[in-house]
Protein backbone atom coordinates (compact mmCIF):
# COMPACT_ATOMS: atom_id res chain seq x y z
CA MET A 1 -23.81 11.10 44.77
CA ALA A 2 -27.50 11.79 44.69
CA TYR A 3 -29.28 14.33 46.82
CA ASN A 4 -32.33 13.13 48.68
CA ARG A 5 -35.04 15.06 50.45
CA LEU A 6 -37.02 13.75 53.40
CA THR A 7 -40.19 15.72 54.10
CA VAL A 8 -42.13 15.28 57.34
CA ASN A 9 -45.10 17.52 58.14
CA GLY A 10 -43.83 20.13 55.68
CA ASN A 11 -40.32 20.20 57.19
CA THR A 12 -37.51 19.07 54.90
CA LEU A 13 -34.06 17.57 55.31
CA ILE A 14 -31.78 17.56 52.27
CA PHE A 15 -28.78 15.22 52.34
CA LEU A 16 -26.34 13.32 50.14
CA LEU A 17 -27.23 9.63 49.97
CA GLN A 18 -24.34 7.40 51.05
CA ASN A 19 -25.92 4.03 51.64
CA ALA A 20 -29.41 2.56 51.84
CA ASN A 21 -30.94 -0.81 52.52
CA GLU A 22 -34.36 -2.28 53.09
CA ARG A 23 -35.42 -5.19 55.23
CA HIS A 24 -38.77 -6.88 55.47
CA GLU A 25 -39.91 -7.50 59.04
CA ARG A 26 -42.53 -10.11 59.84
CA THR A 27 -44.06 -10.03 63.31
CA PRO A 28 -46.33 -12.97 64.12
CA TRP A 29 -48.76 -12.82 67.02
CA ILE A 30 -51.07 -15.52 68.18
CA MET A 31 -54.77 -15.15 68.87
CA PRO A 32 -55.84 -18.63 69.94
CA LEU A 33 -59.29 -19.87 69.13
CA PRO A 34 -60.91 -22.35 71.52
CA GLY A 35 -60.44 -25.97 70.46
CA THR A 36 -57.97 -25.14 67.65
CA LYS A 37 -54.70 -27.05 67.77
CA TYR A 38 -52.96 -25.85 64.59
CA PRO A 39 -51.19 -22.47 64.91
CA LEU A 40 -51.42 -21.81 61.16
CA LEU A 41 -55.19 -21.56 61.52
CA TYR A 42 -55.09 -18.69 63.97
CA ASP A 43 -51.77 -16.87 63.52
CA GLU A 44 -51.90 -13.23 62.54
CA VAL A 45 -48.89 -11.58 60.92
CA SER A 46 -47.95 -7.91 60.76
CA THR A 47 -45.39 -7.03 58.11
CA THR A 48 -43.43 -3.83 57.58
CA ASN A 49 -40.60 -2.66 55.39
CA VAL A 50 -37.83 -0.95 57.33
CA ILE A 51 -35.64 1.36 55.26
CA SER A 52 -32.27 2.41 56.69
CA ILE A 53 -30.44 5.29 55.04
CA THR A 54 -27.01 6.73 55.75
CA GLY A 55 -26.38 10.22 54.45
CA LYS A 56 -24.05 13.17 54.73
CA ILE A 57 -24.87 16.82 55.13
CA LYS A 58 -22.05 19.10 53.99
CA CYS A 59 -22.33 22.51 55.59
CA LYS A 60 -20.83 25.52 53.85
CA THR A 61 -21.74 28.15 51.30
CA GLY A 62 -23.31 26.61 48.18
CA ASN A 63 -24.75 23.62 50.07
CA PRO A 64 -28.31 23.21 51.38
CA TYR A 65 -27.15 24.27 54.88
CA THR A 66 -24.45 26.87 55.38
CA THR A 67 -23.74 25.92 59.00
CA THR A 68 -23.99 22.80 61.13
CA THR A 69 -26.41 24.72 63.38
CA LEU A 70 -28.88 25.02 60.48
CA ALA A 71 -28.40 21.35 59.55
CA ARG A 72 -29.04 20.24 63.14
CA ALA A 73 -32.19 22.39 63.21
CA ALA A 74 -33.41 20.63 60.04
CA VAL A 75 -32.78 17.23 61.64
CA ARG A 76 -34.73 18.27 64.74
CA ALA A 77 -37.61 19.51 62.56
CA VAL A 78 -38.12 16.11 60.88
CA ASN A 79 -37.76 14.22 64.20
CA VAL A 80 -41.36 14.67 65.30
CA ASP A 81 -42.62 13.02 68.46
CA THR A 82 -45.93 11.83 67.04
CA PHE A 83 -46.87 9.30 64.38
CA VAL A 84 -46.92 11.30 61.16
CA THR A 85 -47.78 9.47 57.98
CA SER A 86 -47.34 12.48 55.69
CA CYS A 87 -43.70 11.62 55.02
CA THR A 88 -42.13 11.59 51.58
CA LEU A 89 -38.69 10.68 50.32
CA ASP A 90 -37.48 11.77 46.89
CA SER A 91 -34.28 12.22 44.90
CA GLY A 92 -33.14 15.26 43.02
CA THR A 93 -30.39 17.76 42.38
CA TRP A 94 -29.11 20.72 44.32
CA SER A 95 -28.13 23.91 42.56
CA SER A 96 -27.77 26.62 45.16
CA PRO A 97 -30.25 27.77 46.40
CA THR A 98 -32.74 25.35 44.80
CA TYR A 99 -33.54 21.65 45.20
CA THR A 100 -35.13 20.16 42.09
CA LYS A 101 -36.98 16.86 42.40
CA ASP A 102 -36.10 14.25 39.78
CA THR A 103 -39.53 13.02 38.69
CA SER A 104 -38.02 10.00 36.89
CA VAL A 105 -36.61 8.53 40.13
CA ASN A 106 -38.63 7.36 43.12
CA CYS A 107 -36.86 5.89 46.13
CA TRP A 108 -38.60 2.63 46.93
CA ASN A 109 -41.53 3.92 44.89
CA LEU A 110 -42.21 6.48 47.63
CA PRO A 111 -44.59 8.14 48.13
CA ASP A 112 -46.43 6.73 45.11
CA SER A 113 -46.59 3.14 46.36
CA GLY A 114 -49.83 3.81 48.21
CA LEU A 115 -48.30 2.68 51.50
CA ASP A 116 -47.79 5.05 54.39
CA ILE A 117 -44.21 5.91 55.29
CA LEU A 118 -43.19 6.85 58.80
CA ALA A 119 -39.90 8.49 59.75
CA THR A 120 -39.15 6.71 63.03
CA LEU A 121 -35.71 8.13 63.80
CA VAL A 122 -33.10 10.51 62.38
CA THR A 123 -29.79 10.53 64.24
CA ILE A 124 -26.61 12.52 63.82
CA ASN A 125 -23.31 10.65 64.03
CA GLU A 126 -20.48 13.01 64.82
CA GLU A 127 -17.57 12.94 62.39
CA ASN A 128 -14.28 14.21 63.78
CA SER A 129 -12.44 14.42 60.47
CA ASP A 130 -14.55 17.28 59.09
CA LEU A 131 -16.32 19.75 61.35
CA ASN A 132 -18.45 20.97 58.42
CA THR A 133 -19.94 17.54 57.69
CA LEU A 134 -22.68 15.70 59.57
CA THR A 135 -23.28 12.00 59.03
CA ILE A 136 -26.91 11.04 59.57
CA THR A 137 -28.85 7.81 59.86
CA ILE A 138 -32.53 7.74 58.92
CA GLU A 139 -34.90 4.92 59.84
CA LEU A 140 -38.16 4.75 57.91
CA MET A 141 -41.02 2.29 58.22
CA GLN A 142 -43.35 1.59 55.31
CA GLY A 143 -46.60 -0.32 55.40
CA GLY A 144 -47.92 -2.45 58.23
CA VAL A 145 -49.89 -1.09 61.14
CA LEU A 146 -48.74 2.41 62.04
């Protein structure tokens, strides 16, 4: 399993990547022009890539967060309530107490793609089987009109 690091406004969240997918969303909107009868002549389209990530945060000595309280604080820190386009997502390794970015791997070519990335939501899904593990879901939006 690969470690990933999400950075938003200088705050970081380190987690183990479980699953990830990307979908391309196309949102058409119509701006009619007088006397025009063909929608293809006046349609405008906004497109975005939506990246959904499922991860786990294991909390104990030797992991990025020693307690679930610290992990929850990290999740709250990256859940900002304003549009922040200074988000980055990278992969790396964890060797306590240091995270080392793997420069040969870029997730979705981020942040080097030239497109802005926006962390829209990070949620914690409670897991009853292990009280020292948090399952998280991260929603990112890349490109489009932010």
